[in-house]
Amino acid sequence: MIFLLVAPLLTSIIMRTFGWNVILARNGVLNSTL
């Protein structure tokens, strides 16, 4: 759990934010699932 918690901190905040862009985009993962 500590590794899963700390692992995102090793990734650039820009990459994580772009990941949310992919998930929340108009044709992204969340909209497609809904």
PDB file of all heavy atoms in Angstrom:
ATOM      1  N   MET A   1       0.829  -1.205   0.000  1.00  0.00           N
ATOM      2  CA  MET A   1       0.000   0.000   0.000  1.00  0.00           C
ATOM      3  C   MET A   1       0.864   1.255   0.000  1.00  0.00           C
ATOM      4  O   MET A   1       0.528   2.236  -0.666  1.00  0.00           O
ATOM      5  CB  MET A   1      -0.928  -0.013   1.215  1.00  0.00           C
ATOM      6  CG  MET A   1      -2.009  -1.075   1.160  1.00  0.00           C
ATOM      7  SD  MET A   1      -3.288  -0.813   2.405  1.00  0.00           S
ATOM      8  CE  MET A   1      -4.006   0.734   1.838  1.00  0.00           C
ATOM      9  N   ILE A   2       1.964   1.208   0.730  1.00  0.00           N
ATOM     10  CA  ILE A   2       2.863   2.366   0.736  1.00  0.00           C
ATOM     11  C   ILE A   2       3.447   2.588  -0.656  1.00  0.00           C
ATOM     12  O   ILE A   2       3.541   3.723  -1.139  1.00  0.00           O
ATOM     13  CB  ILE A   2       3.976   2.169   1.773  1.00  0.00           C
ATOM     14  CG1 ILE A   2       3.392   2.199   3.190  1.00  0.00           C
ATOM     15  CG2 ILE A   2       5.055   3.238   1.616  1.00  0.00           C
ATOM     16  CD1 ILE A   2       4.411   1.932   4.275  1.00  0.00           C
ATOM     17  N   PHE A   3       3.810   1.476  -1.329  1.00  0.00           N
ATOM     18  CA  PHE A   3       4.339   1.606  -2.685  1.00  0.00           C
ATOM     19  C   PHE A   3       3.291   2.190  -3.632  1.00  0.00           C
ATOM     20  O   PHE A   3       3.589   3.092  -4.426  1.00  0.00           O
ATOM     21  CB  PHE A   3       4.790   0.238  -3.202  1.00  0.00           C
ATOM     22  CG  PHE A   3       5.160   0.239  -4.656  1.00  0.00           C
ATOM     23  CD1 PHE A   3       6.370   0.763  -5.078  1.00  0.00           C
ATOM     24  CD2 PHE A   3       4.286  -0.271  -5.611  1.00  0.00           C
ATOM     25  CE1 PHE A   3       6.703   0.780  -6.426  1.00  0.00           C
ATOM     26  CE2 PHE A   3       4.610  -0.252  -6.953  1.00  0.00           C
ATOM     27  CZ  PHE A   3       5.825   0.271  -7.366  1.00  0.00           C
ATOM     28  N   LEU A   4       2.046   1.705  -3.552  1.00  0.00           N
ATOM     29  CA  LEU A   4       0.982   2.227  -4.410  1.00  0.00           C
ATOM     30  C   LEU A   4       0.694   3.689  -4.100  1.00  0.00           C
ATOM     31  O   LEU A   4       0.288   4.449  -4.983  1.00  0.00           O
ATOM     32  CB  LEU A   4      -0.297   1.395  -4.226  1.00  0.00           C
ATOM     33  CG  LEU A   4      -0.217  -0.057  -4.702  1.00  0.00           C
ATOM     34  CD1 LEU A   4      -1.511  -0.791  -4.370  1.00  0.00           C
ATOM     35  CD2 LEU A   4       0.062  -0.122  -6.201  1.00  0.00           C
ATOM     36  N   LEU A   5       0.897   4.079  -2.846  1.00  0.00           N
ATOM     37  CA  LEU A   5       0.649   5.454  -2.452  1.00  0.00           C
ATOM     38  C   LEU A   5       1.751   6.384  -2.946  1.00  0.00           C
ATOM     39  O   LEU A   5       1.482   7.502  -3.404  1.00  0.00           O
ATOM     40  CB  LEU A   5       0.540   5.541  -0.927  1.00  0.00           C
ATOM     41  CG  LEU A   5       0.197   6.896  -0.320  1.00  0.00           C
ATOM     42  CD1 LEU A   5      -1.244   7.267  -0.647  1.00  0.00           C
ATOM     43  CD2 LEU A   5       0.415   6.874   1.179  1.00  0.00           C
ATOM     44  N   VAL A   6       2.986   5.919  -2.869  1.00  0.00           N
ATOM     45  CA  VAL A   6       4.132   6.770  -3.219  1.00  0.00           C
ATOM     46  C   VAL A   6       4.421   6.737  -4.719  1.00  0.00           C
ATOM     47  O   VAL A   6       4.950   7.711  -5.274  1.00  0.00           O
ATOM     48  CB  VAL A   6       5.378   6.336  -2.415  1.00  0.00           C
ATOM     49  CG1 VAL A   6       6.604   7.134  -2.827  1.00  0.00           C
ATOM     50  CG2 VAL A   6       5.121   6.500  -0.923  1.00  0.00           C
ATOM     51  N   ALA A   7       4.060   5.644  -5.400  1.00  0.00           N
ATOM     52  CA  ALA A   7       4.384   5.495  -6.822  1.00  0.00           C
ATOM     53  C   ALA A   7       3.903   6.667  -7.679  1.00  0.00           C
ATOM     54  O   ALA A   7       4.652   7.143  -8.546  1.00  0.00           O
ATOM     55  CB  ALA A   7       3.822   4.176  -7.347  1.00  0.00           C
ATOM     56  N   PRO A   8       2.661   7.177  -7.482  1.00  0.00           N
ATOM     57  CA  PRO A   8       2.256   8.332  -8.307  1.00  0.00           C
ATOM     58  C   PRO A   8       3.132   9.558  -8.121  1.00  0.00           C
ATOM     59  O   PRO A   8       3.254  10.377  -9.036  1.00  0.00           O
ATOM     60  CB  PRO A   8       0.819   8.604  -7.832  1.00  0.00           C
ATOM     61  CG  PRO A   8       0.344   7.314  -7.271  1.00  0.00           C
ATOM     62  CD  PRO A   8       1.554   6.686  -6.657  1.00  0.00           C
ATOM     63  N   LEU A   9       3.761   9.700  -6.942  1.00  0.00           N
ATOM     64  CA  LEU A   9       4.620  10.852  -6.712  1.00  0.00           C
ATOM     65  C   LEU A   9       5.884  10.791  -7.557  1.00  0.00           C
ATOM     66  O   LEU A   9       6.566  11.803  -7.723  1.00  0.00           O
ATOM     67  CB  LEU A   9       4.995  10.944  -5.226  1.00  0.00           C
ATOM     68  CG  LEU A   9       3.827  11.099  -4.243  1.00  0.00           C
ATOM     69  CD1 LEU A   9       4.345  11.138  -2.814  1.00  0.00           C
ATOM     70  CD2 LEU A   9       3.022  12.352  -4.553  1.00  0.00           C
ATOM     71  N   LEU A  10       6.210   9.596  -8.071  1.00  0.00           N
ATOM     72  CA  LEU A  10       7.385   9.443  -8.919  1.00  0.00           C
ATOM     73  C   LEU A  10       7.086   9.784 -10.369  1.00  0.00           C
ATOM     74  O   LEU A  10       7.985   9.793 -11.205  1.00  0.00           O
ATOM     75  CB  LEU A  10       7.913   8.004  -8.818  1.00  0.00           C
ATOM     76  CG  LEU A  10       8.235   7.498  -7.414  1.00  0.00           C
ATOM     77  CD1 LEU A  10       8.682   6.043  -7.461  1.00  0.00           C
ATOM     78  CD2 LEU A  10       9.296   8.371  -6.767  1.00  0.00           C
ATOM     79  N   THR A  11       5.819  10.046 -10.665  1.00  0.00           N
ATOM     80  CA  THR A  11       5.394  10.391 -12.019  1.00  0.00           C
ATOM     81  C   THR A  11       5.170  11.892 -12.107  1.00  0.00           C
ATOM     82  O   THR A  11       4.669  12.514 -11.174  1.00  0.00           O
ATOM     83  CB  THR A  11       4.096   9.655 -12.386  1.00  0.00           C
ATOM     84  OG1 THR A  11       4.266   8.261 -12.167  1.00  0.00           O
ATOM     85  CG2 THR A  11       3.727   9.890 -13.839  1.00  0.00           C
ATOM     86  N   SER A  12       5.517  12.473 -13.229  1.00  0.00           N
ATOM     87  CA  SER A  12       5.338  13.905 -13.423  1.00  0.00           C
ATOM     88  C   SER A  12       3.875  14.295 -13.254  1.00  0.00           C
ATOM     89  O   SER A  12       2.960  13.598 -13.713  1.00  0.00           O
ATOM     90  CB  SER A  12       5.819  14.314 -14.816  1.00  0.00           C
ATOM     91  OG  SER A  12       5.422  15.632 -15.126  1.00  0.00           O
ATOM     92  N   ILE A  13       3.646  15.421 -12.600  1.00  0.00           N
ATOM     93  CA  ILE A  13       2.287  15.909 -12.410  1.00  0.00           C
ATOM     94  C   ILE A  13       1.621  16.226 -13.751  1.00  0.00           C
ATOM     95  O   ILE A  13       0.399  16.107 -13.893  1.00  0.00           O
ATOM     96  CB  ILE A  13       2.292  17.158 -11.498  1.00  0.00           C
ATOM     97  CG1 ILE A  13       0.869  17.577 -11.154  1.00  0.00           C
ATOM     98  CG2 ILE A  13       3.034  18.298 -12.144  1.00  0.00           C
ATOM     99  CD1 ILE A  13       0.800  18.713 -10.160  1.00  0.00           C
ATOM    100  N   ILE A  14       2.427  16.577 -14.743  1.00  0.00           N
ATOM    101  CA  ILE A  14       1.863  16.843 -16.072  1.00  0.00           C
ATOM    102  C   ILE A  14       1.308  15.560 -16.666  1.00  0.00           C
ATOM    103  O   ILE A  14       0.206  15.548 -17.244  1.00  0.00           O
ATOM    104  CB  ILE A  14       2.942  17.453 -16.996  1.00  0.00           C
ATOM    105  CG1 ILE A  14       3.438  18.778 -16.421  1.00  0.00           C
ATOM    106  CG2 ILE A  14       2.404  17.650 -18.398  1.00  0.00           C
ATOM    107  CD1 ILE A  14       4.542  19.418 -17.218  1.00  0.00           C
ATOM    108  N   MET A  15       2.038  14.447 -16.525  1.00  0.00           N
ATOM    109  CA  MET A  15       1.564  13.177 -17.064  1.00  0.00           C
ATOM    110  C   MET A  15       0.294  12.722 -16.345  1.00  0.00           C
ATOM    111  O   MET A  15      -0.650  12.225 -16.972  1.00  0.00           O
ATOM    112  CB  MET A  15       2.665  12.115 -16.921  1.00  0.00           C
ATOM    113  CG  MET A  15       3.925  12.417 -17.706  1.00  0.00           C
ATOM    114  SD  MET A  15       3.608  12.607 -19.481  1.00  0.00           S
ATOM    115  CE  MET A  15       3.013  10.966 -19.885  1.00  0.00           C
ATOM    116  N   ARG A  16       0.251  12.901 -15.028  1.00  0.00           N
ATOM    117  CA  ARG A  16      -0.948  12.502 -14.285  1.00  0.00           C
ATOM    118  C   ARG A  16      -2.149  13.355 -14.691  1.00  0.00           C
ATOM    119  O   ARG A  16      -3.267  12.855 -14.804  1.00  0.00           O
ATOM    120  CB  ARG A  16      -0.691  12.623 -12.784  1.00  0.00           C
ATOM    121  CG  ARG A  16       0.134  11.482 -12.223  1.00  0.00           C
ATOM    122  CD  ARG A  16       0.309  11.628 -10.728  1.00  0.00           C
ATOM    123  NE  ARG A  16       1.355  12.589 -10.398  1.00  0.00           N
ATOM    124  CZ  ARG A  16       1.576  13.058  -9.189  1.00  0.00           C
ATOM    125  NH1 ARG A  16       0.791  12.686  -8.190  1.00  0.00           N
ATOM    126  NH2 ARG A  16       2.562  13.904  -8.959  1.00  0.00           N
ATOM    127  N   THR A  17      -1.908  14.637 -14.912  1.00  0.00           N
ATOM    128  CA  THR A  17      -3.005  15.520 -15.311  1.00  0.00           C
ATOM    129  C   THR A  17      -3.494  15.178 -16.709  1.00  0.00           C
ATOM    130  O   THR A  17      -4.704  15.179 -16.969  1.00  0.00           O
ATOM    131  CB  THR A  17      -2.543  16.987 -15.251  1.00  0.00           C
ATOM    132  OG1 THR A  17      -2.046  17.265 -13.935  1.00  0.00           O
ATOM    133  CG2 THR A  17      -3.702  17.914 -15.532  1.00  0.00           C
ATOM    134  N   PHE A  18      -2.578  14.869 -17.625  1.00  0.00           N
ATOM    135  CA  PHE A  18      -2.992  14.453 -18.962  1.00  0.00           C
ATOM    136  C   PHE A  18      -3.741  13.120 -18.900  1.00  0.00           C
ATOM    137  O   PHE A  18      -4.619  12.849 -19.729  1.00  0.00           O
ATOM    138  CB  PHE A  18      -1.790  14.350 -19.893  1.00  0.00           C
ATOM    139  CG  PHE A  18      -1.458  15.637 -20.594  1.00  0.00           C
ATOM    140  CD1 PHE A  18      -0.261  16.282 -20.363  1.00  0.00           C
ATOM    141  CD2 PHE A  18      -2.356  16.204 -21.476  1.00  0.00           C
ATOM    142  CE1 PHE A  18       0.043  17.475 -20.997  1.00  0.00           C
ATOM    143  CE2 PHE A  18      -2.070  17.395 -22.122  1.00  0.00           C
ATOM    144  CZ  PHE A  18      -0.864  18.033 -21.882  1.00  0.00           C
ATOM    145  N   GLY A  19      -3.390  12.270 -17.936  1.00  0.00           N
ATOM    146  CA  GLY A  19      -4.139  11.038 -17.740  1.00  0.00           C
ATOM    147  C   GLY A  19      -5.595  11.308 -17.417  1.00  0.00           C
ATOM    148  O   GLY A  19      -6.509  10.638 -17.936  1.00  0.00           O
ATOM    149  N   TRP A  20      -5.849  12.315 -16.566  1.00  0.00           N
ATOM    150  CA  TRP A  20      -7.235  12.684 -16.268  1.00  0.00           C
ATOM    151  C   TRP A  20      -7.909  13.294 -17.487  1.00  0.00           C
ATOM    152  O   TRP A  20      -9.135  13.161 -17.656  1.00  0.00           O
ATOM    153  CB  TRP A  20      -7.271  13.655 -15.092  1.00  0.00           C
ATOM    154  CG  TRP A  20      -7.155  12.974 -13.768  1.00  0.00           C
ATOM    155  CD1 TRP A  20      -6.102  13.010 -12.905  1.00  0.00           C
ATOM    156  CD2 TRP A  20      -8.123  12.109 -13.169  1.00  0.00           C
ATOM    157  NE1 TRP A  20      -6.354  12.230 -11.807  1.00  0.00           N
ATOM    158  CE2 TRP A  20      -7.590  11.664 -11.937  1.00  0.00           C
ATOM    159  CE3 TRP A  20      -9.394  11.664 -13.566  1.00  0.00           C
ATOM    160  CZ2 TRP A  20      -8.277  10.807 -11.099  1.00  0.00           C
ATOM    161  CZ3 TRP A  20     -10.080  10.804 -12.726  1.00  0.00           C
ATOM    162  CH2 TRP A  20      -9.535  10.388 -11.507  1.00  0.00           C
ATOM    163  N   ASN A  21      -7.138  13.951 -18.359  1.00  0.00           N
ATOM    164  CA  ASN A  21      -7.711  14.436 -19.617  1.00  0.00           C
ATOM    165  C   ASN A  21      -8.229  13.286 -20.457  1.00  0.00           C
ATOM    166  O   ASN A  21      -9.305  13.374 -21.069  1.00  0.00           O
ATOM    167  CB  ASN A  21      -6.659  15.226 -20.405  1.00  0.00           C
ATOM    168  CG  ASN A  21      -6.694  16.709 -20.109  1.00  0.00           C
ATOM    169  OD1 ASN A  21      -7.612  17.413 -20.512  1.00  0.00           O
ATOM    170  ND2 ASN A  21      -5.712  17.191 -19.379  1.00  0.00           N
ATOM    171  N   VAL A  22      -7.481  12.200 -20.496  1.00  0.00           N
ATOM    172  CA  VAL A  22      -7.911  11.024 -21.259  1.00  0.00           C
ATOM    173  C   VAL A  22      -9.167  10.415 -20.644  1.00  0.00           C
ATOM    174  O   VAL A  22     -10.096  10.010 -21.352  1.00  0.00           O
ATOM    175  CB  VAL A  22      -6.774   9.986 -21.315  1.00  0.00           C
ATOM    176  CG1 VAL A  22      -7.252   8.689 -21.956  1.00  0.00           C
ATOM    177  CG2 VAL A  22      -5.576  10.551 -22.074  1.00  0.00           C
ATOM    178  N   ILE A  23      -9.215  10.361 -19.308  1.00  0.00           N
ATOM    179  CA  ILE A  23     -10.354   9.743 -18.639  1.00  0.00           C
ATOM    180  C   ILE A  23     -11.607  10.597 -18.764  1.00  0.00           C
ATOM    181  O   ILE A  23     -12.710  10.083 -19.009  1.00  0.00           O
ATOM    182  CB  ILE A  23     -10.019   9.497 -17.155  1.00  0.00           C
ATOM    183  CG1 ILE A  23      -8.896   8.471 -17.037  1.00  0.00           C
ATOM    184  CG2 ILE A  23     -11.251   9.018 -16.380  1.00  0.00           C
ATOM    185  CD1 ILE A  23      -8.393   8.277 -15.621  1.00  0.00           C
ATOM    186  N   LEU A  24     -11.469  11.919 -18.615  1.00  0.00           N
ATOM    187  CA  LEU A  24     -12.628  12.805 -18.546  1.00  0.00           C
ATOM    188  C   LEU A  24     -12.988  13.448 -19.877  1.00  0.00           C
ATOM    189  O   LEU A  24     -13.952  14.216 -19.940  1.00  0.00           O
ATOM    190  CB  LEU A  24     -12.363  13.916 -17.516  1.00  0.00           C
ATOM    191  CG  LEU A  24     -12.079  13.457 -16.077  1.00  0.00           C
ATOM    192  CD1 LEU A  24     -11.744  14.657 -15.196  1.00  0.00           C
ATOM    193  CD2 LEU A  24     -13.268  12.694 -15.507  1.00  0.00           C
ATOM    194  N   ALA A  25     -12.267  13.137 -20.942  1.00  0.00           N
ATOM    195  CA  ALA A  25     -12.539  13.765 -22.241  1.00  0.00           C
ATOM    196  C   ALA A  25     -13.924  13.388 -22.753  1.00  0.00           C
ATOM    197  O   ALA A  25     -14.574  12.459 -22.265  1.00  0.00           O
ATOM    198  CB  ALA A  25     -11.465  13.356 -23.246  1.00  0.00           C
ATOM    199  N   ARG A  26     -14.369  14.134 -23.757  1.00  0.00           N
ATOM    200  CA  ARG A  26     -15.709  13.904 -24.315  1.00  0.00           C
ATOM    201  C   ARG A  26     -15.879  12.481 -24.821  1.00  0.00           C
ATOM    202  O   ARG A  26     -16.926  11.854 -24.642  1.00  0.00           O
ATOM    203  CB  ARG A  26     -15.960  14.903 -25.458  1.00  0.00           C
ATOM    204  CG  ARG A  26     -17.352  14.796 -26.080  1.00  0.00           C
ATOM    205  CD  ARG A  26     -17.561  15.874 -27.116  1.00  0.00           C
ATOM    206  NE  ARG A  26     -18.873  15.773 -27.724  1.00  0.00           N
ATOM    207  CZ  ARG A  26     -19.991  16.285 -27.212  1.00  0.00           C
ATOM    208  NH1 ARG A  26     -19.921  16.941 -26.070  1.00  0.00           N
ATOM    209  NH2 ARG A  26     -21.147  16.155 -27.825  1.00  0.00           N
ATOM    210  N   ASN A  27     -14.852  11.945 -25.448  1.00  0.00           N
ATOM    211  CA  ASN A  27     -14.862  10.554 -25.894  1.00  0.00           C
ATOM    212  C   ASN A  27     -13.911   9.707 -25.051  1.00  0.00           C
ATOM    213  O   ASN A  27     -13.368   8.709 -25.537  1.00  0.00           O
ATOM    214  CB  ASN A  27     -14.464  10.468 -27.371  1.00  0.00           C
ATOM    215  CG  ASN A  27     -15.466  11.166 -28.278  1.00  0.00           C
ATOM    216  OD1 ASN A  27     -16.678  11.034 -28.081  1.00  0.00           O
ATOM    217  ND2 ASN A  27     -14.969  11.910 -29.253  1.00  0.00           N
ATOM    218  N   GLY A  28     -13.736  10.105 -23.800  1.00  0.00           N
ATOM    219  CA  GLY A  28     -12.808   9.431 -22.924  1.00  0.00           C
ATOM    220  C   GLY A  28     -13.387   8.179 -22.286  1.00  0.00           C
ATOM    221  O   GLY A  28     -14.514   7.739 -22.573  1.00  0.00           O
ATOM    222  N   VAL A  29     -12.606   7.614 -21.376  1.00  0.00           N
ATOM    223  CA  VAL A  29     -12.972   6.348 -20.743  1.00  0.00           C
ATOM    224  C   VAL A  29     -14.263   6.475 -19.956  1.00  0.00           C
ATOM    225  O   VAL A  29     -15.157   5.617 -20.055  1.00  0.00           O
ATOM    226  CB  VAL A  29     -11.825   5.871 -19.818  1.00  0.00           C
ATOM    227  CG1 VAL A  29     -12.234   4.602 -19.075  1.00  0.00           C
ATOM    228  CG2 VAL A  29     -10.552   5.643 -20.627  1.00  0.00           C
ATOM    229  N   LEU A  30     -14.411   7.530 -19.160  1.00  0.00           N
ATOM    230  CA  LEU A  30     -15.587   7.660 -18.302  1.00  0.00           C
ATOM    231  C   LEU A  30     -16.859   7.853 -19.106  1.00  0.00           C
ATOM    232  O   LEU A  30     -17.873   7.186 -18.852  1.00  0.00           O
ATOM    233  CB  LEU A  30     -15.385   8.835 -17.335  1.00  0.00           C
ATOM    234  CG  LEU A  30     -16.489   9.033 -16.291  1.00  0.00           C
ATOM    235  CD1 LEU A  30     -16.696   7.765 -15.470  1.00  0.00           C
ATOM    236  CD2 LEU A  30     -16.163  10.205 -15.392  1.00  0.00           C
ATOM    237  N   ASN A  31     -16.821   8.737 -20.086  1.00  0.00           N
ATOM    238  CA  ASN A  31     -18.014   8.961 -20.919  1.00  0.00           C
ATOM    239  C   ASN A  31     -18.377   7.715 -21.716  1.00  0.00           C
ATOM    240  O   ASN A  31     -19.559   7.386 -21.859  1.00  0.00           O
ATOM    241  CB  ASN A  31     -17.778  10.142 -21.862  1.00  0.00           C
ATOM    242  CG  ASN A  31     -18.230  11.461 -21.245  1.00  0.00           C
ATOM    243  OD1 ASN A  31     -19.258  11.532 -20.588  1.00  0.00           O
ATOM    244  ND2 ASN A  31     -17.445  12.502 -21.458  1.00  0.00           N
ATOM    245  N   SER A  32     -17.368   7.019 -22.233  1.00  0.00           N
ATOM    246  CA  SER A  32     -17.647   5.791 -22.990  1.00  0.00           C
ATOM    247  C   SER A  32     -18.290   4.734 -22.097  1.00  0.00           C
ATOM    248  O   SER A  32     -19.228   4.042 -22.499  1.00  0.00           O
ATOM    249  CB  SER A  32     -16.352   5.250 -23.602  1.00  0.00           C
ATOM    250  OG  SER A  32     -15.778   6.179 -24.486  1.00  0.00           O
ATOM    251  N   THR A  33     -17.819   4.630 -20.859  1.00  0.00           N
ATOM    252  CA  THR A  33     -18.383   3.658 -19.926  1.00  0.00           C
ATOM    253  C   THR A  33     -19.822   4.014 -19.568  1.00  0.00           C
ATOM    254  O   THR A  33     -20.707   3.142 -19.542  1.00  0.00           O
ATOM    255  CB  THR A  33     -17.524   3.599 -18.647  1.00  0.00           C
ATOM    256  OG1 THR A  33     -16.180   3.257 -19.001  1.00  0.00           O
ATOM    257  CG2 THR A  33     -18.073   2.564 -17.682  1.00  0.00           C
ATOM    258  N   LEU A  34     -20.072   5.280 -19.285  1.00  0.00           N
ATOM    259  CA  LEU A  34     -21.429   5.701 -18.932  1.00  0.00           C
ATOM    260  C   LEU A  34     -22.405   5.469 -20.075  1.00  0.00           C
ATOM    261  O   LEU A  34     -23.549   5.028 -19.860  1.00  0.00           O
ATOM    262  CB  LEU A  34     -21.419   7.178 -18.537  1.00  0.00           C
ATOM    263  CG  LEU A  34     -20.682   7.539 -17.241  1.00  0.00           C
ATOM    264  CD1 LEU A  34     -20.674   9.052 -17.037  1.00  0.00           C
ATOM    265  CD2 LEU A  34     -21.328   6.851 -16.050  1.00  0.00           C
TER     266      LEU A  34
END
